[in-house]
Structures are given as structure tokens and as C-alpha cells.
């Protein structure tokens, strides 16, 4: 790996910690600093986030590492691509070194977890609820404006 790329990855690791990464990508740790592991199916949190060491470890699937490794596994990326994704998504403003300053390849999309699917459905349901409430209010206003003799 290129020395400049290694420096870039190291700088990204130093700018954000694993807790910020987990929260940014939708995984909020509980009081024990645990989340449900996104790398295997489970109902109780087994992935421990150690903010002081800037590391994570899952007691269920024995996966662990730093913030770069978390994004690598989450999106099936190389370390360099994971660092680029973090840099871009979290607006770190670091200039990523490339061999020819070409854009990085697009990361592969990973399948959504059950938790992410539920969040998407809940968001959609709330939007539909708001739309129906607005429609109901308009109908109520319109019915009050109609002449009473009809």
C-alpha cells in the first residue's frame, strides 16, 4: 500500500472515533456501549464499542477492529475506500491521495438489516400519517365553507 494512502487512513482514524462512526451510520450504543451487530443476525446487543481504544468487538461473531474496519465490513470495502467514505460522509475535508487523482470506485451496496428496514418503514408510515392529517384538515375546512342548505 502506498505510504500516502496509509497516512490518509491513519488521519481519518484519528479524526473520528468508533462511537461517532457507529452513530452516524445509524447504530446508537446503549448504556453498556453495545449495539446489535450488523455483521450477523441477533436480537440482543453483542457488539461492544470501546471509545477509549477506538475499537469495536462482537462477542457473537468475534469480529473486531477500528472505525475503518467497521466501515470496511459494513459496506464490503477496502481500507482505503472505507477511509474515503468516512472522509466524504462525515465532511472531514481531507484530500484523499490517488494514483492518478481518479475518483474512487463506487462501494458495493450491502443488503439492509432488519433494523434498517424497520426504520425506513416507520419513516414512510409517519410521512403517510402527516399527509392524511393534512388532507383531513383541508376537508374539514372545505366542509365548513359549504353552504348549509345542501
N, C-alpha and C. Protein backbone atom coordinates (compact mmCIF):
# COMPACT_ATOMS: atom_id res chain seq x y z
N UNK A 1 0.85 -1.18 0.00
CA UNK A 1 0.00 0.00 0.00
C UNK A 1 0.89 1.24 0.00
N UNK A 2 0.48 2.22 -0.72
CA UNK A 2 1.20 3.48 -0.84
C UNK A 2 1.31 4.16 0.53
N UNK A 3 2.47 4.77 0.81
CA UNK A 3 2.70 5.44 2.09
C UNK A 3 1.71 6.58 2.29
N UNK A 4 1.41 7.34 1.24
CA UNK A 4 0.46 8.45 1.35
C UNK A 4 -0.94 7.93 1.68
N UNK A 5 -1.30 6.80 1.13
CA UNK A 5 -2.61 6.20 1.41
C UNK A 5 -2.67 5.76 2.87
N UNK A 6 -1.60 5.17 3.37
CA UNK A 6 -1.53 4.75 4.77
C UNK A 6 -1.69 5.95 5.69
N UNK A 7 -1.01 7.05 5.36
CA UNK A 7 -1.14 8.28 6.16
C UNK A 7 -2.58 8.80 6.15
N UNK A 8 -3.22 8.74 4.98
CA UNK A 8 -4.60 9.20 4.84
C UNK A 8 -5.52 8.36 5.74
N UNK A 9 -5.37 7.05 5.69
CA UNK A 9 -6.19 6.15 6.51
C UNK A 9 -5.97 6.45 7.99
N UNK A 10 -4.72 6.62 8.37
CA UNK A 10 -4.38 6.92 9.76
C UNK A 10 -5.00 8.25 10.21
N UNK A 11 -4.95 9.25 9.34
CA UNK A 11 -5.51 10.57 9.68
C UNK A 11 -7.03 10.49 9.85
N UNK A 12 -7.71 9.72 9.00
CA UNK A 12 -9.16 9.55 9.13
C UNK A 12 -9.47 8.88 10.47
N UNK A 13 -8.70 7.84 10.83
CA UNK A 13 -8.90 7.16 12.12
C UNK A 13 -8.74 8.12 13.29
N UNK A 14 -7.78 9.05 13.17
CA UNK A 14 -7.52 9.99 14.26
C UNK A 14 -8.59 11.07 14.36
N UNK A 15 -9.27 11.38 13.27
CA UNK A 15 -10.25 12.47 13.27
C UNK A 15 -11.60 12.08 13.86
N UNK A 16 -12.00 10.83 13.71
CA UNK A 16 -13.30 10.38 14.22
C UNK A 16 -13.12 9.11 15.04
N UNK A 17 -13.94 8.98 16.08
CA UNK A 17 -13.84 7.74 16.86
C UNK A 17 -14.94 6.78 16.47
N UNK A 18 -14.83 5.57 16.97
CA UNK A 18 -15.74 4.50 16.58
C UNK A 18 -17.18 4.80 17.00
N UNK A 19 -17.37 5.47 18.13
CA UNK A 19 -18.73 5.80 18.57
C UNK A 19 -19.38 6.78 17.59
N UNK A 20 -18.65 7.80 17.15
CA UNK A 20 -19.19 8.76 16.17
C UNK A 20 -19.55 8.05 14.87
N UNK A 21 -18.68 7.12 14.45
CA UNK A 21 -18.92 6.36 13.22
C UNK A 21 -20.21 5.54 13.37
N UNK A 22 -20.31 4.79 14.45
CA UNK A 22 -21.49 3.93 14.66
C UNK A 22 -22.77 4.76 14.66
N UNK A 23 -22.76 5.87 15.38
CA UNK A 23 -23.95 6.71 15.46
C UNK A 23 -24.29 7.35 14.12
N UNK A 24 -23.27 7.77 13.38
CA UNK A 24 -23.50 8.41 12.08
C UNK A 24 -24.20 7.43 11.12
N UNK A 25 -23.80 6.17 11.18
CA UNK A 25 -24.37 5.17 10.27
C UNK A 25 -25.57 4.44 10.87
N UNK A 26 -26.17 5.02 11.93
CA UNK A 26 -27.45 4.53 12.44
C UNK A 26 -27.40 3.51 13.54
N UNK A 27 -26.29 3.34 14.22
CA UNK A 27 -26.18 2.36 15.30
C UNK A 27 -25.88 3.09 16.61
N UNK A 28 -26.91 3.31 17.42
CA UNK A 28 -26.74 4.05 18.66
C UNK A 28 -26.47 3.07 19.80
N UNK A 29 -25.31 3.18 20.43
CA UNK A 29 -24.96 2.27 21.54
C UNK A 29 -25.85 2.49 22.76
N UNK A 30 -26.09 1.41 23.51
CA UNK A 30 -26.84 1.52 24.75
C UNK A 30 -25.90 1.97 25.88
N UNK A 31 -26.38 1.92 27.12
CA UNK A 31 -25.57 2.38 28.26
C UNK A 31 -24.29 1.58 28.45
N UNK A 32 -24.32 0.33 28.04
CA UNK A 32 -23.13 -0.51 28.16
C UNK A 32 -22.23 -0.40 26.93
N UNK A 33 -22.51 0.57 26.07
CA UNK A 33 -21.75 0.81 24.84
C UNK A 33 -21.83 -0.39 23.90
N UNK A 34 -23.01 -1.00 23.81
CA UNK A 34 -23.22 -2.15 22.93
C UNK A 34 -24.30 -1.83 21.91
N UNK A 35 -24.17 -2.46 20.74
CA UNK A 35 -25.18 -2.38 19.69
C UNK A 35 -25.44 -3.78 19.17
N UNK A 36 -26.56 -3.97 18.48
CA UNK A 36 -26.77 -5.23 17.78
C UNK A 36 -25.80 -5.28 16.61
N UNK A 37 -25.10 -6.37 16.50
CA UNK A 37 -24.06 -6.49 15.48
C UNK A 37 -24.67 -6.48 14.07
N UNK A 38 -24.19 -5.58 13.21
CA UNK A 38 -24.71 -5.54 11.84
C UNK A 38 -24.12 -6.63 10.94
N UNK A 39 -23.17 -7.43 11.49
CA UNK A 39 -22.47 -8.43 10.69
C UNK A 39 -23.06 -9.82 10.83
N UNK A 40 -23.97 -10.00 11.78
CA UNK A 40 -24.69 -11.27 11.89
C UNK A 40 -26.05 -10.98 12.52
N UNK A 41 -26.95 -11.93 12.42
CA UNK A 41 -28.32 -11.74 12.90
C UNK A 41 -28.37 -12.02 14.40
N UNK A 42 -28.95 -11.05 15.15
CA UNK A 42 -29.08 -11.23 16.59
C UNK A 42 -30.19 -10.33 17.11
N UNK A 43 -30.67 -10.64 18.33
CA UNK A 43 -31.72 -9.84 18.93
C UNK A 43 -31.23 -9.01 20.10
N UNK A 44 -30.16 -9.45 20.76
CA UNK A 44 -29.61 -8.69 21.87
C UNK A 44 -28.22 -8.17 21.49
N UNK A 45 -27.90 -6.95 21.88
CA UNK A 45 -26.61 -6.35 21.51
C UNK A 45 -25.42 -7.16 22.01
N UNK A 46 -24.48 -7.44 21.10
CA UNK A 46 -23.27 -8.16 21.49
C UNK A 46 -22.01 -7.46 20.96
N UNK A 47 -22.18 -6.39 20.19
CA UNK A 47 -21.02 -5.67 19.67
C UNK A 47 -20.68 -4.53 20.63
N UNK A 48 -19.53 -4.65 21.26
CA UNK A 48 -19.06 -3.68 22.26
C UNK A 48 -18.24 -2.60 21.56
N UNK A 49 -18.53 -1.33 21.89
CA UNK A 49 -17.77 -0.20 21.36
C UNK A 49 -16.92 0.38 22.47
N UNK A 50 -15.62 0.38 22.26
CA UNK A 50 -14.68 0.93 23.25
C UNK A 50 -14.17 2.26 22.72
N UNK A 51 -14.78 3.34 23.22
CA UNK A 51 -14.45 4.68 22.73
C UNK A 51 -13.02 5.07 23.07
N UNK A 52 -12.52 4.63 24.23
CA UNK A 52 -11.16 4.99 24.64
C UNK A 52 -10.10 4.37 23.74
N UNK A 53 -10.31 3.10 23.38
CA UNK A 53 -9.36 2.42 22.49
C UNK A 53 -9.69 2.64 21.02
N UNK A 54 -10.87 3.24 20.76
CA UNK A 54 -11.35 3.48 19.40
C UNK A 54 -11.46 2.17 18.62
N UNK A 55 -12.02 1.16 19.29
CA UNK A 55 -12.15 -0.17 18.71
C UNK A 55 -13.55 -0.71 18.97
N UNK A 56 -13.89 -1.77 18.23
CA UNK A 56 -15.14 -2.49 18.47
C UNK A 56 -14.84 -3.98 18.49
N UNK A 57 -15.71 -4.73 19.16
CA UNK A 57 -15.57 -6.19 19.18
C UNK A 57 -16.94 -6.81 19.38
N UNK A 58 -17.28 -7.79 18.56
CA UNK A 58 -18.53 -8.51 18.68
C UNK A 58 -18.27 -9.85 19.36
N UNK A 59 -18.95 -10.08 20.47
CA UNK A 59 -18.80 -11.33 21.19
C UNK A 59 -19.57 -12.46 20.53
N UNK A 60 -20.46 -12.14 19.61
CA UNK A 60 -21.23 -13.16 18.90
C UNK A 60 -20.47 -13.76 17.73
N UNK A 61 -19.93 -12.90 16.87
CA UNK A 61 -19.24 -13.40 15.66
C UNK A 61 -17.73 -13.20 15.72
N UNK A 62 -17.22 -12.71 16.84
CA UNK A 62 -15.79 -12.50 17.07
C UNK A 62 -15.14 -11.57 16.04
N UNK A 63 -15.89 -10.59 15.56
CA UNK A 63 -15.37 -9.59 14.64
C UNK A 63 -14.96 -8.38 15.45
N UNK A 64 -13.82 -7.81 15.11
CA UNK A 64 -13.37 -6.62 15.82
C UNK A 64 -12.47 -5.78 14.96
N UNK A 65 -12.17 -4.59 15.45
CA UNK A 65 -11.27 -3.70 14.73
C UNK A 65 -11.52 -2.25 15.09
N UNK A 66 -11.03 -1.38 14.22
CA UNK A 66 -11.18 0.06 14.43
C UNK A 66 -12.31 0.61 13.57
N UNK A 67 -12.41 1.94 13.51
CA UNK A 67 -13.50 2.56 12.76
C UNK A 67 -13.42 2.25 11.26
N UNK A 68 -12.20 2.16 10.74
CA UNK A 68 -12.03 1.83 9.31
C UNK A 68 -12.52 0.40 9.06
N UNK A 69 -12.16 -0.52 9.93
CA UNK A 69 -12.57 -1.91 9.78
C UNK A 69 -14.10 -2.04 9.87
N UNK A 70 -14.72 -1.24 10.74
CA UNK A 70 -16.17 -1.26 10.89
C UNK A 70 -16.84 -0.93 9.55
N UNK A 71 -16.39 0.14 8.90
CA UNK A 71 -16.98 0.55 7.62
C UNK A 71 -16.58 -0.43 6.51
N UNK A 72 -15.36 -0.96 6.57
CA UNK A 72 -14.94 -1.99 5.60
C UNK A 72 -15.93 -3.14 5.59
N UNK A 73 -16.22 -3.68 6.78
CA UNK A 73 -17.11 -4.83 6.89
C UNK A 73 -18.56 -4.45 6.59
N UNK A 74 -18.96 -3.27 7.02
CA UNK A 74 -20.34 -2.84 6.84
C UNK A 74 -20.70 -2.68 5.37
N UNK A 75 -19.78 -2.15 4.57
CA UNK A 75 -20.06 -1.87 3.16
C UNK A 75 -19.22 -2.71 2.19
N UNK A 76 -18.46 -3.68 2.70
CA UNK A 76 -17.63 -4.55 1.87
C UNK A 76 -16.65 -3.73 1.02
N UNK A 77 -15.81 -2.94 1.70
CA UNK A 77 -14.85 -2.05 1.05
C UNK A 77 -13.42 -2.41 1.43
N UNK A 78 -12.47 -1.82 0.71
CA UNK A 78 -11.07 -1.91 1.10
C UNK A 78 -10.83 -0.86 2.19
N UNK A 79 -9.71 -0.94 2.92
CA UNK A 79 -9.44 0.08 3.93
C UNK A 79 -9.41 1.49 3.34
N UNK A 80 -8.80 1.64 2.18
CA UNK A 80 -8.73 2.95 1.53
C UNK A 80 -10.11 3.48 1.16
N UNK A 81 -10.95 2.62 0.60
CA UNK A 81 -12.31 3.02 0.23
C UNK A 81 -13.13 3.37 1.47
N UNK A 82 -12.93 2.61 2.55
CA UNK A 82 -13.65 2.90 3.81
C UNK A 82 -13.23 4.27 4.35
N UNK A 83 -11.92 4.57 4.30
CA UNK A 83 -11.44 5.87 4.76
C UNK A 83 -12.01 6.99 3.89
N UNK A 84 -12.07 6.76 2.58
CA UNK A 84 -12.65 7.76 1.68
C UNK A 84 -14.12 7.98 1.99
N UNK A 85 -14.85 6.90 2.25
CA UNK A 85 -16.28 7.00 2.56
C UNK A 85 -16.49 7.81 3.83
N UNK A 86 -15.72 7.52 4.87
CA UNK A 86 -15.83 8.26 6.12
C UNK A 86 -15.50 9.73 5.89
N UNK A 87 -14.41 9.97 5.17
CA UNK A 87 -13.98 11.34 4.87
C UNK A 87 -15.08 12.12 4.16
N UNK A 88 -15.70 11.50 3.18
CA UNK A 88 -16.74 12.16 2.41
C UNK A 88 -18.04 12.29 3.20
N UNK A 89 -18.50 11.21 3.81
CA UNK A 89 -19.78 11.22 4.52
C UNK A 89 -19.77 12.16 5.72
N UNK A 90 -18.67 12.19 6.44
CA UNK A 90 -18.60 13.00 7.66
C UNK A 90 -17.95 14.36 7.42
N UNK A 91 -17.74 14.70 6.16
CA UNK A 91 -17.20 16.01 5.76
C UNK A 91 -15.94 16.39 6.54
N UNK A 92 -14.96 15.48 6.52
CA UNK A 92 -13.70 15.75 7.22
C UNK A 92 -12.82 16.73 6.45
N UNK A 93 -12.99 16.79 5.14
CA UNK A 93 -12.25 17.75 4.34
C UNK A 93 -10.81 17.34 4.05
N UNK A 94 -10.49 16.07 4.23
CA UNK A 94 -9.13 15.60 3.92
C UNK A 94 -9.01 15.33 2.42
N UNK A 95 -7.86 15.63 1.87
CA UNK A 95 -7.62 15.33 0.45
C UNK A 95 -7.10 13.90 0.36
N UNK A 96 -7.88 13.07 -0.30
CA UNK A 96 -7.51 11.66 -0.43
C UNK A 96 -6.49 11.48 -1.54
N UNK A 97 -5.37 10.82 -1.25
CA UNK A 97 -4.39 10.57 -2.31
C UNK A 97 -4.88 9.48 -3.25
N UNK A 98 -4.66 9.68 -4.52
CA UNK A 98 -4.98 8.66 -5.52
C UNK A 98 -3.81 8.58 -6.47
N UNK A 99 -3.68 7.46 -7.14
CA UNK A 99 -2.55 7.28 -8.04
C UNK A 99 -2.60 8.25 -9.21
N UNK A 100 -3.80 8.53 -9.71
CA UNK A 100 -3.93 9.46 -10.84
C UNK A 100 -5.02 10.49 -10.57
N UNK A 101 -5.33 10.72 -9.28
CA UNK A 101 -6.40 11.61 -8.87
C UNK A 101 -7.74 11.24 -9.52
N UNK A 102 -7.92 9.95 -9.77
CA UNK A 102 -9.17 9.46 -10.34
C UNK A 102 -10.15 9.23 -9.20
N UNK A 103 -11.44 9.34 -9.46
CA UNK A 103 -12.41 9.09 -8.40
C UNK A 103 -12.35 7.63 -7.94
N UNK A 104 -12.63 7.41 -6.69
CA UNK A 104 -12.62 6.07 -6.13
C UNK A 104 -13.79 5.27 -6.70
N UNK A 105 -13.64 3.96 -6.81
CA UNK A 105 -14.75 3.16 -7.30
C UNK A 105 -15.92 3.22 -6.32
N UNK A 106 -17.12 3.14 -6.86
CA UNK A 106 -18.31 3.18 -6.03
C UNK A 106 -18.36 1.93 -5.16
N UNK A 107 -18.64 2.11 -3.86
CA UNK A 107 -18.73 0.94 -2.99
C UNK A 107 -19.96 0.11 -3.33
N UNK A 108 -19.84 -1.19 -3.08
CA UNK A 108 -20.97 -2.08 -3.31
C UNK A 108 -22.02 -1.82 -2.23
N UNK A 109 -23.27 -1.87 -2.63
CA UNK A 109 -24.35 -1.69 -1.67
C UNK A 109 -24.53 -3.01 -0.91
N UNK A 110 -24.68 -2.90 0.39
CA UNK A 110 -24.91 -4.09 1.19
C UNK A 110 -26.41 -4.22 1.43
N UNK A 111 -26.88 -5.42 1.69
CA UNK A 111 -28.30 -5.57 1.98
C UNK A 111 -28.65 -4.89 3.30
N UNK A 112 -29.87 -4.37 3.39
CA UNK A 112 -30.31 -3.69 4.60
C UNK A 112 -30.56 -4.71 5.71
N UNK A 113 -30.22 -4.32 6.94
CA UNK A 113 -30.54 -5.16 8.09
C UNK A 113 -32.01 -5.00 8.42
N UNK A 114 -32.53 -5.90 9.25
CA UNK A 114 -33.93 -5.82 9.65
C UNK A 114 -34.21 -4.50 10.37
N UNK A 115 -33.26 -4.04 11.17
CA UNK A 115 -33.41 -2.78 11.90
C UNK A 115 -33.53 -1.61 10.92
N UNK A 116 -32.67 -1.59 9.90
CA UNK A 116 -32.71 -0.51 8.90
C UNK A 116 -34.01 -0.55 8.11
N UNK A 117 -34.48 -1.74 7.77
CA UNK A 117 -35.76 -1.87 7.05
C UNK A 117 -36.90 -1.31 7.90
N UNK A 118 -36.88 -1.64 9.20
CA UNK A 118 -37.93 -1.15 10.10
C UNK A 118 -37.89 0.38 10.18
N UNK A 119 -36.70 0.97 10.25
CA UNK A 119 -36.59 2.43 10.30
C UNK A 119 -37.15 3.07 9.04
N UNK A 120 -36.88 2.48 7.89
CA UNK A 120 -37.38 3.01 6.62
C UNK A 120 -38.91 2.93 6.59
N UNK A 121 -39.46 1.80 7.02
CA UNK A 121 -40.92 1.62 7.02
C UNK A 121 -41.57 2.59 8.00
N UNK A 122 -40.97 2.74 9.18
CA UNK A 122 -41.52 3.69 10.17
C UNK A 122 -41.51 5.12 9.64
N UNK A 123 -40.43 5.50 8.99
CA UNK A 123 -40.35 6.86 8.43
C UNK A 123 -41.44 7.05 7.38
N UNK A 124 -41.63 6.06 6.51
CA UNK A 124 -42.66 6.13 5.49
C UNK A 124 -44.04 6.24 6.13
N UNK A 125 -44.29 5.45 7.19
CA UNK A 125 -45.60 5.46 7.84
C UNK A 125 -45.88 6.84 8.46
N UNK A 126 -44.87 7.44 9.08
CA UNK A 126 -45.06 8.77 9.67
C UNK A 126 -45.35 9.81 8.58
N UNK A 127 -44.68 9.70 7.44
CA UNK A 127 -44.94 10.63 6.35
C UNK A 127 -46.38 10.48 5.84
N UNK A 128 -46.83 9.23 5.69
CA UNK A 128 -48.19 8.99 5.22
C UNK A 128 -49.21 9.51 6.22
N UNK A 129 -48.93 9.32 7.49
CA UNK A 129 -49.81 9.82 8.56
C UNK A 129 -49.94 11.34 8.46
N UNK A 130 -48.83 12.05 8.28
CA UNK A 130 -48.86 13.51 8.17
C UNK A 130 -49.65 13.96 6.94
N UNK A 131 -49.49 13.26 5.84
CA UNK A 131 -50.22 13.60 4.61
C UNK A 131 -51.72 13.44 4.84
N UNK A 132 -52.11 12.32 5.46
CA UNK A 132 -53.53 12.09 5.70
C UNK A 132 -54.12 13.11 6.68
N UNK A 133 -53.36 13.50 7.69
CA UNK A 133 -53.83 14.53 8.62
C UNK A 133 -54.05 15.86 7.90
N UNK A 134 -53.12 16.24 7.04
CA UNK A 134 -53.27 17.47 6.26
C UNK A 134 -54.51 17.40 5.38
N UNK A 135 -54.74 16.26 4.74
CA UNK A 135 -55.89 16.07 3.89
C UNK A 135 -57.18 16.19 4.71
N UNK A 136 -57.19 15.57 5.88
CA UNK A 136 -58.36 15.64 6.76
C UNK A 136 -58.65 17.08 7.16
N UNK A 137 -57.62 17.84 7.51
CA UNK A 137 -57.81 19.25 7.89
C UNK A 137 -58.39 20.06 6.72
N UNK A 138 -57.88 19.81 5.51
CA UNK A 138 -58.41 20.52 4.34
C UNK A 138 -59.87 20.18 4.10
N UNK A 139 -60.22 18.90 4.22
CA UNK A 139 -61.62 18.50 4.05
C UNK A 139 -62.52 19.16 5.09
N UNK A 140 -62.05 19.23 6.31
CA UNK A 140 -62.82 19.85 7.39
C UNK A 140 -63.04 21.33 7.11
N UNK A 141 -61.99 22.03 6.68
CA UNK A 141 -62.11 23.46 6.33
C UNK A 141 -63.07 23.64 5.16
N UNK A 142 -62.95 22.80 4.17
CA UNK A 142 -63.80 22.89 2.98
C UNK A 142 -65.26 22.64 3.36
N UNK A 143 -65.51 21.67 4.22
CA UNK A 143 -66.89 21.36 4.60
C UNK A 143 -67.52 22.51 5.38
N UNK A 144 -66.73 23.26 6.12
CA UNK A 144 -67.26 24.40 6.87
C UNK A 144 -67.60 25.56 5.95
N UNK A 145 -66.96 25.64 4.79
CA UNK A 145 -67.21 26.73 3.85
C UNK A 145 -68.40 26.46 2.95
N UNK A 146 -68.88 25.23 2.89
CA UNK A 146 -70.02 24.90 2.04
C UNK A 146 -71.30 25.52 2.61
N UNK A 147 -72.21 25.90 1.72
CA UNK A 147 -73.50 26.42 2.20
C UNK A 147 -74.25 25.35 2.99
N UNK A 148 -74.98 25.77 4.01
CA UNK A 148 -75.66 24.82 4.91
C UNK A 148 -76.93 24.23 4.29
N UNK A 149 -77.48 24.84 3.23
CA UNK A 149 -78.74 24.35 2.65
C UNK A 149 -78.57 23.10 1.80
N UNK A 150 -77.34 22.69 1.49
CA UNK A 150 -77.13 21.47 0.70
C UNK A 150 -77.10 20.28 1.59
